[in-house]
C-alpha atoms as a PDB file:
ATOM      1  CA  UNK A   1     162.506 -10.907-132.089  1.00  0.00           C
ATOM      2  CA  UNK A   2     165.782  -9.934-130.878  1.00  0.00           C
ATOM      3  CA  UNK A   3     165.773  -7.447-127.985  1.00  0.00           C
ATOM      4  CA  UNK A   4     167.976  -4.402-128.808  1.00  0.00           C
ATOM      5  CA  UNK A   5     169.250  -1.791-126.512  1.00  0.00           C
ATOM      6  CA  UNK A   6     170.324   1.887-126.956  1.00  0.00           C
ATOM      7  CA  UNK A   7     172.431   3.527-124.157  1.00  0.00           C
ATOM      8  CA  UNK A   8     172.213   7.301-123.376  1.00  0.00           C
ATOM      9  CA  UNK A   9     175.699   8.267-121.964  1.00  0.00           C
ATOM     10  CA  UNK A  10     178.980   6.475-122.368  1.00  0.00           C
ATOM     11  CA  UNK A  11     181.005   7.575-119.542  1.00  0.00           C
ATOM     12  CA  UNK A  12     182.049   5.302-116.633  1.00  0.00           C
ATOM     13  CA  UNK A  13     178.666   3.743-115.970  1.00  0.00           C
ATOM     14  CA  UNK A  14     177.790   3.430-119.600  1.00  0.00           C
ATOM     15  CA  UNK A  15     181.155   1.934-120.804  1.00  0.00           C
ATOM     16  CA  UNK A  16     182.025  -0.282-117.763  1.00  0.00           C
ATOM     17  CA  UNK A  17     178.775  -1.137-116.182  1.00  0.00           C
ATOM     18  CA  UNK A  18     175.914  -1.167-118.783  1.00  0.00           C
ATOM     19  CA  UNK A  19     177.603  -2.080-122.032  1.00  0.00           C
ATOM     20  CA  UNK A  20     179.593  -5.283-120.700  1.00  0.00           C
ATOM     21  CA  UNK A  21     176.503  -6.289-118.550  1.00  0.00           C
ATOM     22  CA  UNK A  22     173.972  -5.960-121.347  1.00  0.00           C
ATOM     23  CA  UNK A  23     176.341  -8.042-123.766  1.00  0.00           C
ATOM     24  CA  UNK A  24     176.646 -10.517-121.034  1.00  0.00           C
ATOM     25  CA  UNK A  25     172.837 -10.901-120.761  1.00  0.00           C
ATOM     26  CA  UNK A  26     172.382 -11.574-124.470  1.00  0.00           C
ATOM     27  CA  UNK A  27     171.072  -8.098-125.344  1.00  0.00           C
ATOM     28  CA  UNK A  28     172.653  -6.655-128.213  1.00  0.00           C
ATOM     29  CA  UNK A  29     173.671  -2.697-128.261  1.00  0.00           C
ATOM     30  CA  UNK A  30     172.676  -1.089-131.303  1.00  0.00           C
ATOM     31  CA  UNK A  31     173.125   2.607-130.765  1.00  0.00           C
ATOM     32  CA  UNK A  32     174.936   4.839-128.098  1.00  0.00           C
ATOM     33  CA  UNK A  33     174.402   8.451-127.443  1.00  0.00           C
ATOM     34  CA  UNK A  34     177.745  10.061-126.426  1.00  0.00           C
ATOM     35  CA  UNK A  35     179.795  13.237-127.440  1.00  0.00           C
ATOM     36  CA  UNK A  36     182.943  11.096-127.188  1.00  0.00           C
ATOM     37  CA  UNK A  37     182.481   8.355-130.027  1.00  0.00           C
ATOM     38  CA  UNK A  38     185.942   6.704-129.678  1.00  0.00           C
ATOM     39  CA  UNK A  39     185.431   4.609-126.618  1.00  0.00           C
ATOM     40  CA  UNK A  40     181.976   3.288-127.877  1.00  0.00           C
ATOM     41  CA  UNK A  41     183.392   2.208-131.039  1.00  0.00           C
ATOM     42  CA  UNK A  42     186.423   0.672-129.530  1.00  0.00           C
ATOM     43  CA  UNK A  43     184.391  -1.402-127.165  1.00  0.00           C
ATOM     44  CA  UNK A  44     181.411  -2.018-129.416  1.00  0.00           C
ATOM     45  CA  UNK A  45     182.983  -1.789-132.725  1.00  0.00           C
ATOM     46  CA  UNK A  46     180.195  -1.053-135.293  1.00  0.00           C
ATOM     47  CA  UNK A  47     177.693   0.326-133.000  1.00  0.00           C
ATOM     48  CA  UNK A  48     175.838   3.520-134.211  1.00  0.00           C
ATOM     49  CA  UNK A  49     177.001   6.526-132.406  1.00  0.00           C
ATOM     50  CA  UNK A  50     174.341   9.204-132.172  1.00  0.00           C
ATOM     51  CA  UNK A  51     174.472  12.954-131.102  1.00  0.00           C
ATOM     52  CA  UNK A  52     171.189  13.120-129.156  1.00  0.00           C
ATOM     53  CA  UNK A  53     168.722  11.268-126.977  1.00  0.00           C
ATOM     54  CA  UNK A  54     166.113  12.425-129.324  1.00  0.00           C
ATOM     55  CA  UNK A  55     167.620  10.500-132.145  1.00  0.00           C
ATOM     56  CA  UNK A  56     167.735   7.293-130.115  1.00  0.00           C
ATOM     57  CA  UNK A  57     164.235   7.416-128.986  1.00  0.00           C
ATOM     58  CA  UNK A  58     163.055   7.785-132.608  1.00  0.00           C
ATOM     59  CA  UNK A  59     164.584   4.793-133.841  1.00  0.00           C
ATOM     60  CA  UNK A  60     162.260   1.696-134.392  1.00  0.00           C
ATOM     61  CA  UNK A  61     165.026  -0.811-133.950  1.00  0.00           C
ATOM     62  CA  UNK A  62     165.705   0.105-130.213  1.00  0.00           C
ATOM     63  CA  UNK A  63     163.516  -1.798-127.736  1.00  0.00           C
ATOM     64  CA  UNK A  64     165.336  -0.896-124.478  1.00  0.00           C
ATOM     65  CA  UNK A  65     166.755   2.636-123.651  1.00  0.00           C
ATOM     66  CA  UNK A  66     169.504   2.608-120.795  1.00  0.00           C
ATOM     67  CA  UNK A  67     169.777   5.978-119.256  1.00  0.00           C
ATOM     68  CA  UNK A  68     173.377   6.581-117.932  1.00  0.00           C
ATOM     69  CA  UNK A  69     173.469  10.481-118.341  1.00  0.00           C
ATOM     70  CA  UNK A  70     174.018  12.945-115.496  1.00  0.00           C
ATOM     71  CA  UNK A  71     171.485  12.896-112.686  1.00  0.00           C
ATOM     72  CA  UNK A  72     169.382  15.814-113.560  1.00  0.00           C
ATOM     73  CA  UNK A  73     168.411  14.247-116.964  1.00  0.00           C
ATOM     74  CA  UNK A  74     167.523  10.937-115.475  1.00  0.00           C
ATOM     75  CA  UNK A  75     163.907  11.482-115.005  1.00  0.00           C
ATOM     76  CA  UNK A  76     162.910  13.652-118.038  1.00  0.00           C
ATOM     77  CA  UNK A  77     164.788  11.369-120.508  1.00  0.00           C
ATOM     78  CA  UNK A  78     163.095   8.336-118.839  1.00  0.00           C
ATOM     79  CA  UNK A  79     159.667  10.183-119.418  1.00  0.00           C
ATOM     80  CA  UNK A  80     160.557  10.816-122.773  1.00  0.00           C
ATOM     81  CA  UNK A  81     161.801   7.211-123.746  1.00  0.00           C
ATOM     82  CA  UNK A  82     158.416   5.847-122.043  1.00  0.00           C
ATOM     83  CA  UNK A  83     156.476   8.243-124.190  1.00  0.00           C
ATOM     84  CA  UNK A  84     158.468   7.002-127.300  1.00  0.00           C
ATOM     85  CA  UNK A  85     157.344   3.389-126.348  1.00  0.00           C
ATOM     86  CA  UNK A  86     160.617   2.248-125.142  1.00  0.00           C
ATOM     87  CA  UNK A  87     161.433   0.045-122.036  1.00  0.00           C
ATOM     88  CA  UNK A  88     163.641   1.816-119.739  1.00  0.00           C
ATOM     89  CA  UNK A  89     166.457   1.236-117.444  1.00  0.00           C
ATOM     90  CA  UNK A  90     167.577   4.314-115.549  1.00  0.00           C
ATOM     91  CA  UNK A  91     170.803   4.838-113.470  1.00  0.00           C
ATOM     92  CA  UNK A  92     170.179   5.830-109.787  1.00  0.00           C
ATOM     93  CA  UNK A  93     169.300   8.207-108.557  1.00  0.00           C
ATOM     94  CA  UNK A  94     166.006   7.763-110.586  1.00  0.00           C
ATOM     95  CA  UNK A  95     164.830  11.303-109.777  1.00  0.00           C
ATOM     96  CA  UNK A  96     165.133  14.186-107.166  1.00  0.00           C
ATOM     97  CA  UNK A  97     161.636  13.346-105.489  1.00  0.00           C
ATOM     98  CA  UNK A  98     159.426  10.539-104.886  1.00  0.00           C
ATOM     99  CA  UNK A  99     156.534  12.339-106.908  1.00  0.00           C
ATOM    100  CA  UNK A 100     158.653  12.293-109.910  1.00  0.00           C
ATOM    101  CA  UNK A 101     159.207   8.386-109.480  1.00  0.00           C
ATOM    102  CA  UNK A 102     155.284   7.938-109.203  1.00  0.00           C
ATOM    103  CA  UNK A 103     154.864  10.003-112.418  1.00  0.00           C
ATOM    104  CA  UNK A 104     157.302   7.938-114.351  1.00  0.00           C
ATOM    105  CA  UNK A 105     155.455   4.748-113.019  1.00  0.00           C
ATOM    106  CA  UNK A 106     152.339   6.134-114.276  1.00  0.00           C
ATOM    107  CA  UNK A 107     153.744   6.607-117.759  1.00  0.00           C
ATOM    108  CA  UNK A 108     155.123   3.158-117.723  1.00  0.00           C
ATOM    109  CA  UNK A 109     151.647   1.926-117.064  1.00  0.00           C
ATOM    110  CA  UNK A 110     150.005   3.850-119.561  1.00  0.00           C
ATOM    111  CA  UNK A 111     152.396   2.986-122.378  1.00  0.00           C
ATOM    112  CA  UNK A 112     152.606  -0.690-121.338  1.00  0.00           C
ATOM    113  CA  UNK A 113     156.302  -0.558-121.083  1.00  0.00           C
ATOM    114  CA  UNK A 114     158.856  -2.067-118.350  1.00  0.00           C
ATOM    115  CA  UNK A 115     160.518   0.486-116.264  1.00  0.00           C
ATOM    116  CA  UNK A 116     163.243  -0.181-113.567  1.00  0.00           C
ATOM    117  CA  UNK A 117     166.224   1.505-111.822  1.00  0.00           C
ATOM    118  CA  UNK A 118     169.802   0.067-111.935  1.00  0.00           C
ATOM    119  CA  UNK A 119     170.241  -1.016-108.393  1.00  0.00           C
ATOM    120  CA  UNK A 120     173.203  -3.205-109.142  1.00  0.00           C
ATOM    121  CA  UNK A 121     174.505  -3.308-105.652  1.00  0.00           C
ATOM    122  CA  UNK A 122     171.753  -5.813-104.610  1.00  0.00           C
ATOM    123  CA  UNK A 123     174.099  -8.397-106.441  1.00  0.00           C
ATOM    124  CA  UNK A 124     177.465  -7.290-104.589  1.00  0.00           C
ATOM    125  CA  UNK A 125     179.303 -10.304-103.353  1.00  0.00           C
ATOM    126  CA  UNK A 126     179.303  -8.867 -99.618  1.00  0.00           C
ATOM    127  CA  UNK A 127     175.558  -7.971 -99.767  1.00  0.00           C
ATOM    128  CA  UNK A 128     174.545 -11.558-101.025  1.00  0.00           C
ATOM    129  CA  UNK A 129     176.724 -13.021 -98.380  1.00  0.00           C
ATOM    130  CA  UNK A 130     175.016 -10.970 -95.741  1.00  0.00           C
ATOM    131  CA  UNK A 131     171.622 -11.657 -97.193  1.00  0.00           C
ATOM    132  CA  UNK A 132     172.306 -15.312 -97.011  1.00  0.00           C
ATOM    133  CA  UNK A 133     173.460 -15.280 -93.438  1.00  0.00           C
ATOM    134  CA  UNK A 134     170.362 -13.599 -92.311  1.00  0.00           C
ATOM    135  CA  UNK A 135     168.351 -15.906 -94.139  1.00  0.00           C
ATOM    136  CA  UNK A 136     169.925 -18.889 -92.736  1.00  0.00           C
ATOM    137  CA  UNK A 137     169.594 -17.348 -89.186  1.00  0.00           C
ATOM    138  CA  UNK A 138     173.422 -17.313 -88.534  1.00  0.00           C
ATOM    139  CA  UNK A 139     173.238 -14.254 -86.678  1.00  0.00           C
ATOM    140  CA  UNK A 140     169.945 -14.567 -84.881  1.00  0.00           C
ATOM    141  CA  UNK A 141     167.731 -11.673 -84.452  1.00  0.00           C
ATOM    142  CA  UNK A 142     169.453  -8.423 -85.908  1.00  0.00           C
ATOM    143  CA  UNK A 143     169.561  -5.545 -83.427  1.00  0.00           C
ATOM    144  CA  UNK A 144     172.114  -3.331 -85.054  1.00  0.00           C
ATOM    145  CA  UNK A 145     172.924  -2.720 -88.790  1.00  0.00           C
ATOM    146  CA  UNK A 146     175.960  -0.431 -89.686  1.00  0.00           C
ATOM    147  CA  UNK A 147     176.579  -0.083 -93.486  1.00  0.00           C
ATOM    148  CA  UNK A 148     179.343   2.479 -94.722  1.00  0.00           C
ATOM    149  CA  UNK A 149     180.939   3.545 -97.846  1.00  0.00           C
ATOM    150  CA  UNK A 150     183.584   5.937 -96.911  1.00  0.00           C
ATOM    151  CA  UNK A 151     186.104   7.205 -99.437  1.00  0.00           C
ATOM    152  CA  UNK A 152     189.202   9.691 -99.653  1.00  0.00           C
ATOM    153  CA  UNK A 153     188.269  12.236-102.240  1.00  0.00           C
ATOM    154  CA  UNK A 154     189.413  15.363-100.640  1.00  0.00           C
ATOM    155  CA  UNK A 155     189.474  17.708-103.729  1.00  0.00           C
ATOM    156  CA  UNK A 156     186.225  19.043-105.117  1.00  0.00           C
ATOM    157  CA  UNK A 157     186.407  18.422-109.069  1.00  0.00           C
ATOM    158  CA  UNK A 158     184.774  20.248-111.901  1.00  0.00           C
ATOM    159  CA  UNK A 159     182.854  16.977-112.775  1.00  0.00           C
ATOM    160  CA  UNK A 160     178.984  17.407-112.889  1.00  0.00           C
ATOM    161  CA  UNK A 161     178.779  15.196-109.777  1.00  0.00           C
ATOM    162  CA  UNK A 162     180.533  17.941-107.762  1.00  0.00           C
ATOM    163  CA  UNK A 163     178.292  20.674-109.028  1.00  0.00           C
ATOM    164  CA  UNK A 164     175.263  21.872-107.135  1.00  0.00           C
ATOM    165  CA  UNK A 165     171.966  20.641-108.509  1.00  0.00           C
ATOM    166  CA  UNK A 166     168.541  19.195-107.093  1.00  0.00           C
ATOM    167  CA  UNK A 167     169.720  15.397-107.105  1.00  0.00           C
ATOM    168  CA  UNK A 168     173.442  15.816-106.997  1.00  0.00           C
ATOM    169  CA  UNK A 169     175.540  14.940-103.860  1.00  0.00           C
ATOM    170  CA  UNK A 170     176.504  11.550-102.089  1.00  0.00           C
ATOM    171  CA  UNK A 171     173.228  11.017-100.466  1.00  0.00           C
ATOM    172  CA  UNK A 172     171.540  10.679-103.957  1.00  0.00           C
ATOM    173  CA  UNK A 173     174.663   8.828-105.278  1.00  0.00           C
ATOM    174  CA  UNK A 174     175.975   6.202-102.975  1.00  0.00           C
ATOM    175  CA  UNK A 175     173.317   6.942-100.484  1.00  0.00           C
ATOM    176  CA  UNK A 176     170.640   5.401-102.599  1.00  0.00           C
ATOM    177  CA  UNK A 177     172.462   2.168-102.892  1.00  0.00           C
ATOM    178  CA  UNK A 178     172.927   1.916 -99.020  1.00  0.00           C
ATOM    179  CA  UNK A 179     169.242   2.974 -98.466  1.00  0.00           C
ATOM    180  CA  UNK A 180     168.031   0.310-101.113  1.00  0.00           C
ATOM    181  CA  UNK A 181     170.055  -2.418 -99.483  1.00  0.00           C
ATOM    182  CA  UNK A 182     168.830  -1.717 -95.846  1.00  0.00           C
ATOM    183  CA  UNK A 183     165.296  -1.598 -97.233  1.00  0.00           C
ATOM    184  CA  UNK A 184     165.735  -4.924 -98.911  1.00  0.00           C
ATOM    185  CA  UNK A 185     166.784  -6.456 -95.696  1.00  0.00           C
ATOM    186  CA  UNK A 186     164.540  -4.867 -93.245  1.00  0.00           C
ATOM    187  CA  UNK A 187     161.844  -2.755 -95.024  1.00  0.00           C
ATOM    188  CA  UNK A 188     160.783   0.750 -94.225  1.00  0.00           C
ATOM    189  CA  UNK A 189     161.950   2.065 -90.814  1.00  0.00           C
ATOM    190  CA  UNK A 190     159.647   3.604 -88.270  1.00  0.00           C
ATOM    191  CA  UNK A 191     161.673   6.847 -88.071  1.00  0.00           C
ATOM    192  CA  UNK A 192     164.978   8.475 -88.926  1.00  0.00           C
ATOM    193  CA  UNK A 193     167.526  11.023 -87.847  1.00  0.00           C
ATOM    194  CA  UNK A 194     169.932  12.464 -90.429  1.00  0.00           C
ATOM    195  CA  UNK A 195     172.820  14.845 -90.697  1.00  0.00           C
ATOM    196  CA  UNK A 196     173.698  15.646 -94.473  1.00  0.00           C
ATOM    197  CA  UNK A 197     176.682  17.972 -94.810  1.00  0.00           C
ATOM    198  CA  UNK A 198     179.611  19.534 -96.807  1.00  0.00           C
ATOM    199  CA  UNK A 199     183.157  19.308 -95.386  1.00  0.00           C
ATOM    200  CA  UNK A 200     185.327  19.771 -98.307  1.00  0.00           C
ATOM    201  CA  UNK A 201     186.963  23.180 -99.009  1.00  0.00           C
ATOM    202  CA  UNK A 202     184.973  24.842-102.002  1.00  0.00           C
ATOM    203  CA  UNK A 203     182.311  22.107-101.975  1.00  0.00           C
ATOM    204  CA  UNK A 204     178.914  23.124-103.621  1.00  0.00           C
ATOM    205  CA  UNK A 205     177.169  19.871-102.934  1.00  0.00           C
ATOM    206  CA  UNK A 206     176.867  17.348 -99.972  1.00  0.00           C
ATOM    207  CA  UNK A 207     179.995  15.111 -99.465  1.00  0.00           C
ATOM    208  CA  UNK A 208     178.892  13.298 -96.403  1.00  0.00           C
ATOM    209  CA  UNK A 209     175.904  12.053 -94.418  1.00  0.00           C
ATOM    210  CA  UNK A 210     174.749  10.104 -91.301  1.00  0.00           C
ATOM    211  CA  UNK A 211     171.493   8.450 -90.954  1.00  0.00           C
ATOM    212  CA  UNK A 212     170.255   6.649 -87.891  1.00  0.00           C
ATOM    213  CA  UNK A 213     166.767   4.726 -88.446  1.00  0.00           C
ATOM    214  CA  UNK A 214     164.818   2.777 -85.868  1.00  0.00           C
ATOM    215  CA  UNK A 215     162.575  -0.178 -86.637  1.00  0.00           C
ATOM    216  CA  UNK A 216     161.323  -1.702 -83.342  1.00  0.00           C
ATOM    217  CA  UNK A 217     164.498  -2.648 -81.322  1.00  0.00           C
ATOM    218  CA  UNK A 218     166.563  -2.604 -84.597  1.00  0.00           C
ATOM    219  CA  UNK A 219     168.720   0.349 -85.056  1.00  0.00           C
ATOM    220  CA  UNK A 220     170.025   1.100 -88.663  1.00  0.00           C
ATOM    221  CA  UNK A 221     173.110   3.249 -89.426  1.00  0.00           C
ATOM    222  CA  UNK A 222     174.220   4.166 -92.693  1.00  0.00           C
ATOM    223  CA  UNK A 223     176.638   6.699 -93.848  1.00  0.00           C
ATOM    224  CA  UNK A 224     179.370   8.105 -96.120  1.00  0.00           C
ATOM    225  CA  UNK A 225     182.356  10.410 -95.709  1.00  0.00           C
ATOM    226  CA  UNK A 226     184.687  11.595 -98.378  1.00  0.00           C
ATOM    227  CA  UNK A 227     187.375  12.442 -95.945  1.00  0.00           C
ATOM    228  CA  UNK A 228     188.207   8.960 -94.703  1.00  0.00           C
ATOM    229  CA  UNK A 229     191.558   7.424 -95.791  1.00  0.00           C
ATOM    230  CA  UNK A 230     190.715   4.331 -93.825  1.00  0.00           C
ATOM    231  CA  UNK A 231     187.561   2.948 -95.077  1.00  0.00           C
ATOM    232  CA  UNK A 232     187.038   0.662 -92.068  1.00  0.00           C
ATOM    233  CA  UNK A 233     184.275  -1.962 -92.119  1.00  0.00           C
ATOM    234  CA  UNK A 234     181.843  -2.046 -95.064  1.00  0.00           C
ATOM    235  CA  UNK A 235     179.346  -3.846 -92.868  1.00  0.00           C
ATOM    236  CA  UNK A 236     179.040  -4.381 -89.152  1.00  0.00           C
ATOM    237  CA  UNK A 237     175.971  -6.270 -88.214  1.00  0.00           C
ATOM    238  CA  UNK A 238     175.130  -7.518 -84.757  1.00  0.00           C
ATOM    239  CA  UNK A 239     172.651 -10.262 -83.825  1.00  0.00           C
ATOM    240  CA  UNK A 240     171.566 -12.302 -80.962  1.00  0.00           C
ATOM    241  CA  UNK A 241     173.876 -15.056 -81.996  1.00  0.00           C
ATOM    242  CA  UNK A 242     176.716 -13.475 -83.797  1.00  0.00           C
ATOM    243  CA  UNK A 243     178.151 -10.560 -85.448  1.00  0.00           C
ATOM    244  CA  UNK A 244     179.235 -10.215 -88.961  1.00  0.00           C
ATOM    245  CA  UNK A 245     182.057  -7.786 -89.862  1.00  0.00           C
ATOM    246  CA  UNK A 246     183.153  -7.131 -93.449  1.00  0.00           C
ATOM    247  CA  UNK A 247     185.968  -4.862 -94.833  1.00  0.00           C
ATOM    248  CA  UNK A 248     186.525  -3.788 -98.442  1.00  0.00           C
ATOM    249  CA  UNK A 249     184.224  -3.099-101.254  1.00  0.00           C
ATOM    250  CA  UNK A 250     182.542  -5.552-103.992  1.00  0.00           C
ATOM    251  CA  UNK A 251     185.030  -6.239-106.926  1.00  0.00           C
ATOM    252  CA  UNK A 252     182.765  -6.094-110.008  1.00  0.00           C
ATOM    253  CA  UNK A 253     183.503  -2.379-110.440  1.00  0.00           C
ATOM    254  CA  UNK A 254     187.288  -2.606-110.418  1.00  0.00           C
ATOM    255  CA  UNK A 255     187.107  -5.623-112.352  1.00  0.00           C
ATOM    256  CA  UNK A 256     184.891  -4.260-115.148  1.00  0.00           C
ATOM    257  CA  UNK A 257     187.012  -1.176-115.122  1.00  0.00           C
ATOM    258  CA  UNK A 258     190.236  -3.239-115.336  1.00  0.00           C
ATOM    259  CA  UNK A 259     188.964  -5.025-118.620  1.00  0.00           C
ATOM    260  CA  UNK A 260     187.403  -8.224-117.124  1.00  0.00           C
ATOM    261  CA  UNK A 261     184.223  -9.435-118.585  1.00  0.00           C
ATOM    262  CA  UNK A 262     181.208 -10.669-116.791  1.00  0.00           C
ATOM    263  CA  UNK A 263     181.457 -14.132-118.123  1.00  0.00           C
ATOM    264  CA  UNK A 264     185.142 -14.483-116.767  1.00  0.00           C
ATOM    265  CA  UNK A 265     185.355 -17.340-114.360  1.00  0.00           C
ATOM    266  CA  UNK A 266     186.961 -15.086-111.526  1.00  0.00           C
ATOM    267  CA  UNK A 267     184.416 -12.138-112.138  1.00  0.00           C
ATOM    268  CA  UNK A 268     182.512 -11.197-108.890  1.00  0.00           C
ATOM    269  CA  UNK A 269     184.968 -13.033-106.642  1.00  0.00           C
ATOM    270  CA  UNK A 270     186.655 -11.549-103.745  1.00  0.00           C
ATOM    271  CA  UNK A 271     190.289 -11.824-102.397  1.00  0.00           C
ATOM    272  CA  UNK A 272     190.610 -13.934 -99.128  1.00  0.00           C
ATOM    273  CA  UNK A 273     191.700 -10.660 -97.255  1.00  0.00           C
ATOM    274  CA  UNK A 274     188.508  -8.992 -97.894  1.00  0.00           C
ATOM    275  CA  UNK A 275     186.362 -12.156 -96.604  1.00  0.00           C
ATOM    276  CA  UNK A 276     183.971 -11.432 -93.917  1.00  0.00           C
ATOM    277  CA  UNK A 277     184.215 -12.682 -90.255  1.00  0.00           C
ATOM    278  CA  UNK A 278     181.659 -14.148 -88.133  1.00  0.00           C
ATOM    279  CA  UNK A 279     182.070 -13.615 -84.558  1.00  0.00           C
ATOM    280  CA  UNK A 280     180.176 -15.989 -82.200  1.00  0.00           C
ATOM    281  CA  UNK A 281     178.671 -14.096 -79.250  1.00  0.00           C
ATOM    282  CA  UNK A 282     178.731 -16.996 -76.600  1.00  0.00           C
ATOM    283  CA  UNK A 283     182.226 -18.248 -77.451  1.00  0.00           C
ATOM    284  CA  UNK A 284     183.884 -15.215 -79.011  1.00  0.00           C
ATOM    285  CA  UNK A 285     185.058 -17.651 -81.828  1.00  0.00           C
ATOM    286  CA  UNK A 286     185.857 -15.970 -84.999  1.00  0.00           C
ATOM    287  CA  UNK A 287     184.965 -17.830 -88.276  1.00  0.00           C
ATOM    288  CA  UNK A 288     185.917 -16.789 -91.885  1.00  0.00           C
ATOM    289  CA  UNK A 289     182.809 -16.655 -94.142  1.00  0.00           C
ATOM    290  CA  UNK A 290     183.257 -17.639 -97.759  1.00  0.00           C
ATOM    291  CA  UNK A 291     181.567 -15.004 -99.828  1.00  0.00           C
ATOM    292  CA  UNK A 292     178.834 -15.546-102.505  1.00  0.00           C
ATOM    293  CA  UNK A 293     179.905 -14.469-105.930  1.00  0.00           C
ATOM    294  CA  UNK A 294     178.990 -11.072-107.002  1.00  0.00           C
ATOM    295  CA  UNK A 295     176.938 -11.011-110.039  1.00  0.00           C
ATOM    296  CA  UNK A 296     175.486  -7.743-111.446  1.00  0.00           C
ATOM    297  CA  UNK A 297     174.574  -9.374-114.793  1.00  0.00           C
ATOM    298  CA  UNK A 298     171.636 -10.990-112.960  1.00  0.00           C
ATOM    299  CA  UNK A 299     169.834  -7.550-113.260  1.00  0.00           C
ATOM    300  CA  UNK A 300     169.871  -7.524-116.953  1.00  0.00           C
ATOM    301  CA  UNK A 301     169.020 -11.174-117.160  1.00  0.00           C
ATOM    302  CA  UNK A 302     165.774 -10.283-115.166  1.00  0.00           C
ATOM    303  CA  UNK A 303     165.239  -7.408-117.164  1.00  0.00           C
ATOM    304  CA  UNK A 304     165.452  -9.299-120.235  1.00  0.00           C
ATOM    305  CA  UNK A 305     162.949 -11.969-119.061  1.00  0.00           C
ATOM    306  CA  UNK A 306     160.639  -9.193-117.871  1.00  0.00           C
ATOM    307  CA  UNK A 307     160.498  -7.770-121.401  1.00  0.00           C
ATOM    308  CA  UNK A 308     160.307 -10.973-123.278  1.00  0.00           C
ATOM    309  CA  UNK A 309     158.136 -12.838-120.909  1.00  0.00           C
ATOM    310  CA  UNK A 310     156.107 -10.277-119.307  1.00  0.00           C
ATOM    311  CA  UNK A 311     157.839 -10.955-115.984  1.00  0.00           C
ATOM    312  CA  UNK A 312     158.438  -8.825-113.108  1.00  0.00           C
ATOM    313  CA  UNK A 313     161.314  -6.149-113.465  1.00  0.00           C
ATOM    314  CA  UNK A 314     164.590  -6.399-111.319  1.00  0.00           C
ATOM    315  CA  UNK A 315     163.713  -3.198-109.295  1.00  0.00           C
ATOM    316  CA  UNK A 316     159.901  -2.090-109.225  1.00  0.00           C
ATOM    317  CA  UNK A 317     159.027   1.405-109.196  1.00  0.00           C
ATOM    318  CA  UNK A 318     157.596   1.140-105.725  1.00  0.00           C
ATOM    319  CA  UNK A 319     160.932   0.213-104.379  1.00  0.00           C
ATOM    320  CA  UNK A 320     162.500   3.045-106.023  1.00  0.00           C
ATOM    321  CA  UNK A 321     159.762   5.325-104.653  1.00  0.00           C
ATOM    322  CA  UNK A 322     160.666   4.137-101.091  1.00  0.00           C
ATOM    323  CA  UNK A 323     164.399   4.858-101.740  1.00  0.00           C
ATOM    324  CA  UNK A 324     163.799   8.400-102.718  1.00  0.00           C
ATOM    325  CA  UNK A 325     161.187   9.010-100.073  1.00  0.00           C
ATOM    326  CA  UNK A 326     163.888   8.108 -97.506  1.00  0.00           C
ATOM    327  CA  UNK A 327     166.287  10.430 -99.140  1.00  0.00           C
ATOM    328  CA  UNK A 328     163.782  13.324 -99.062  1.00  0.00           C
ATOM    329  CA  UNK A 329     162.984  12.628 -95.327  1.00  0.00           C
ATOM    330  CA  UNK A 330     166.825  12.580 -94.471  1.00  0.00           C
ATOM    331  CA  UNK A 331     167.221  16.070 -96.377  1.00  0.00           C
ATOM    332  CA  UNK A 332     164.302  17.158 -94.344  1.00  0.00           C
ATOM    333  CA  UNK A 333     165.611  15.922 -90.965  1.00  0.00           C
ATOM    334  CA  UNK A 334     168.959  17.149 -91.564  1.00  0.00           C
ATOM    335  CA  UNK A 335     167.760  20.756 -92.458  1.00  0.00           C
ATOM    336  CA  UNK A 336     165.345  20.860 -89.444  1.00  0.00           C
ATOM    337  CA  UNK A 337     167.375  18.990 -87.056  1.00  0.00           C
ATOM    338  CA  UNK A 338     164.658  16.699 -85.937  1.00  0.00           C
ATOM    339  CA  UNK A 339     163.608  13.031 -86.220  1.00  0.00           C
ATOM    340  CA  UNK A 340     161.185  12.072 -89.024  1.00  0.00           C
ATOM    341  CA  UNK A 341     158.416   9.584 -88.458  1.00  0.00           C
ATOM    342  CA  UNK A 342     158.065   7.471 -91.546  1.00  0.00           C
ATOM    343  CA  UNK A 343     154.473   6.800 -91.784  1.00  0.00           C
ATOM    344  CA  UNK A 344     153.200   4.387 -94.272  1.00  0.00           C
ATOM    345  CA  UNK A 345     152.953   5.825 -97.765  1.00  0.00           C
ATOM    346  CA  UNK A 346     150.997   4.570-100.926  1.00  0.00           C
ATOM    347  CA  UNK A 347     153.578   3.677-103.355  1.00  0.00           C
ATOM    348  CA  UNK A 348     152.817   3.260-107.039  1.00  0.00           C
ATOM    349  CA  UNK A 349     151.575   0.027-108.386  1.00  0.00           C
ATOM    350  CA  UNK A 350     154.670  -1.809-110.012  1.00  0.00           C
ATOM    351  CA  UNK A 351     154.621  -3.562-112.943  1.00  0.00           C
END
């Protein structure tokens, strides 16, 4: 049986992330739900363009539904797709609350379907490089981890991302990537203190945040600001042996938006001026670090095996639950101006 996918939403994420990556992973795209059929037909040729998510979910030739719609639709559309007997990939943020994530996992278990969240930034070049350095103990014991994703976007747009809604704003957007990466490296922190704010004139949703977390002696600092012309370092990670400094962002998004396909030989590679630097503590010697190749398509390769061979999904619901739980704790900390202790929670059982 050939696994066939349908995509709900064909904006930037649907067109430039999911469609190319699905094709590169060998998953045909049978149908797309979009109000703008031209880009879908231009890229996917004879794909069926549908007018509603309900039409897509009713089709018997769709096995996997990829949800790339506005944030507020993620959870209800994921629930509807699972009830319709489809496997589901949903864009981050999966939901506004951890309780909603738990409900979706229960639905997936009930209907015996695979459910996962598109945390593609686990396969960024720089994150893979940092992960390898830590696994090889090149940095020693990690004592401080700083990760940022600053941008210069001073103007509030009329796009849905800049409108006030339960799971809009930069913490739910870029923040879920930064939180997910920190959780993958270090696990759940003991506590956090957060400041989530709006700085831009006429802004109706959050456009910046700072989160400080602690786990034993380790301090984790992540943040985003939309009024930063100089992005500075993406990572500053300090260990007992060395520090790792990394400027710039992973190249897969601009490569995809520029028309490069995931099977291109240069896809996922970084220019030398963006390579990270290892600074050795004892000698102060600086060493250039050859980066790993970024590979977002790994996400869909794992998802394909999960469906065809009943294997594990790339991002279990338990991990998506933990990410949204941290988001909720950060919002509470910011609103109350206090530190939040992150006691162990009972996440849903992952398939």
